Amino acid sequence: MSTYNTIDDIKAANTKIGHSWFDPTTTAYHGSRIESEVIGGRYFVESSFGVPGDEDSGRIYRAVEATPTGDVGYLAGGERFASTDAARAYIETVIAIAS
């Protein structure tokens, strides 16, 4: 699969290759939440605690990419964005440059 239609598709691909991006223990520790639908077939916005394990540390937003093989990782070197909209705008820029 080169693109994904839903976050569940990305989760299934990530799990299939034995990775744990969406593992409940991992997401609970980081306070991870999916903040968007799939954008451009392979990107989405995620938020998490500002400091892993510290729910009082505020939330940060990151642009995330899922590769065709199911690997998932942060875009922009894990840059922290102030909002879902700012992370989404970054993703849209990445898509525009790749086109």
Protein backbone atom coordinates (compact mmCIF):
# COMPACT_ATOMS: atom_id res chain seq x y z
CA MET A 1 0.00 0.00 0.00
CA SER A 2 1.45 3.37 -0.94
CA THR A 3 -1.25 5.50 0.64
CA TYR A 4 -3.67 5.17 3.54
CA ASN A 5 -7.32 6.12 3.80
CA THR A 6 -7.72 6.04 7.58
CA ILE A 7 -5.70 6.17 10.77
CA ASP A 8 -6.77 2.56 11.35
CA ASP A 9 -5.04 1.62 8.07
CA ILE A 10 -1.83 3.23 9.35
CA LYS A 11 -2.15 1.50 12.73
CA ALA A 12 -2.59 -1.88 11.03
CA ALA A 13 0.45 -1.36 8.78
CA ASN A 14 2.58 -0.25 11.75
CA THR A 15 1.51 -3.23 13.85
CA LYS A 16 2.07 -5.62 10.92
CA ILE A 17 5.77 -4.74 10.81
CA GLY A 18 6.08 -5.24 14.59
CA HIS A 19 6.31 -1.57 15.57
CA SER A 20 4.60 -0.02 18.58
CA TRP A 21 3.83 3.61 17.63
CA PHE A 22 0.18 3.09 18.56
CA ASP A 23 0.68 0.68 21.47
CA PRO A 24 -1.61 1.69 24.38
CA THR A 25 1.28 1.74 26.89
CA THR A 26 3.35 3.98 24.62
CA THR A 27 0.50 6.35 23.84
CA ALA A 28 -0.54 6.61 27.51
CA TYR A 29 2.99 7.53 28.65
CA HIS A 30 3.36 10.17 25.96
CA GLY A 31 -0.27 11.30 26.19
CA SER A 32 -0.49 10.80 22.43
CA ARG A 33 -3.67 11.71 20.58
CA ILE A 34 -4.42 11.70 16.88
CA GLU A 35 -5.53 15.24 16.00
CA SER A 36 -6.42 14.88 12.31
CA GLU A 37 -7.59 12.52 9.65
CA VAL A 38 -5.06 11.12 7.17
CA ILE A 39 -3.75 14.00 5.04
CA GLY A 40 -2.37 13.33 1.58
CA GLY A 41 -2.58 9.57 2.01
CA ARG A 42 0.26 9.29 4.53
CA TYR A 43 0.40 12.19 7.01
CA PHE A 44 -1.45 13.14 10.17
CA VAL A 45 -1.17 15.45 13.17
CA GLU A 46 -0.48 14.06 16.64
CA SER A 47 -0.42 15.80 20.00
CA SER A 48 1.33 14.64 23.14
CA PHE A 49 2.42 15.85 26.56
CA GLY A 50 5.07 18.57 26.43
CA VAL A 51 7.15 16.36 28.72
CA PRO A 52 6.63 12.57 28.37
CA GLY A 53 4.83 11.17 31.39
CA ASP A 54 3.78 14.63 32.68
CA GLU A 55 0.15 15.37 31.88
CA ASP A 56 0.52 18.84 33.45
CA SER A 57 3.21 19.88 30.95
CA GLY A 58 0.80 21.12 28.28
CA ARG A 59 0.35 19.70 24.80
CA ILE A 60 2.58 19.87 21.78
CA TYR A 61 1.66 19.09 18.18
CA ARG A 62 3.74 17.31 15.59
CA ALA A 63 3.45 16.43 11.93
CA VAL A 64 3.70 12.67 11.39
CA GLU A 65 4.39 10.56 8.30
CA ALA A 66 3.54 6.91 7.69
CA THR A 67 5.69 5.30 5.01
CA PRO A 68 4.29 2.75 2.56
CA THR A 69 5.92 -0.02 4.61
CA GLY A 70 4.20 1.04 7.85
CA ASP A 71 7.03 2.93 9.53
CA VAL A 72 5.77 6.00 11.37
CA GLY A 73 7.85 9.00 12.35
CA TYR A 74 7.89 12.73 12.91
CA LEU A 75 8.45 15.16 10.07
CA ALA A 76 10.68 18.23 10.45
CA GLY A 77 12.98 16.47 12.89
CA GLY A 78 10.19 16.24 15.43
CA GLU A 79 9.57 19.98 15.43
CA ARG A 80 6.94 21.04 17.94
CA PHE A 81 4.09 23.13 16.61
CA ALA A 82 1.83 25.36 18.70
CA SER A 83 -1.41 23.94 17.30
CA THR A 84 -3.02 21.32 15.12
CA ASP A 85 -3.48 23.98 12.44
CA ALA A 86 0.23 24.87 12.43
CA ALA A 87 1.25 21.20 12.10
CA ARG A 88 -1.34 20.70 9.35
CA ALA A 89 -0.01 23.75 7.48
CA TYR A 90 3.48 22.25 7.62
CA ILE A 91 2.16 18.98 6.18
CA GLU A 92 0.43 20.87 3.39
CA THR A 93 3.75 22.57 2.58
CA VAL A 94 5.51 19.20 2.43
CA ILE A 95 2.83 17.88 0.07
CA ALA A 96 3.05 20.98 -2.15
CA ILE A 97 6.84 20.74 -2.43
CA ALA A 98 6.65 17.03 -3.31
CA SER A 99 4.11 17.66 -6.07
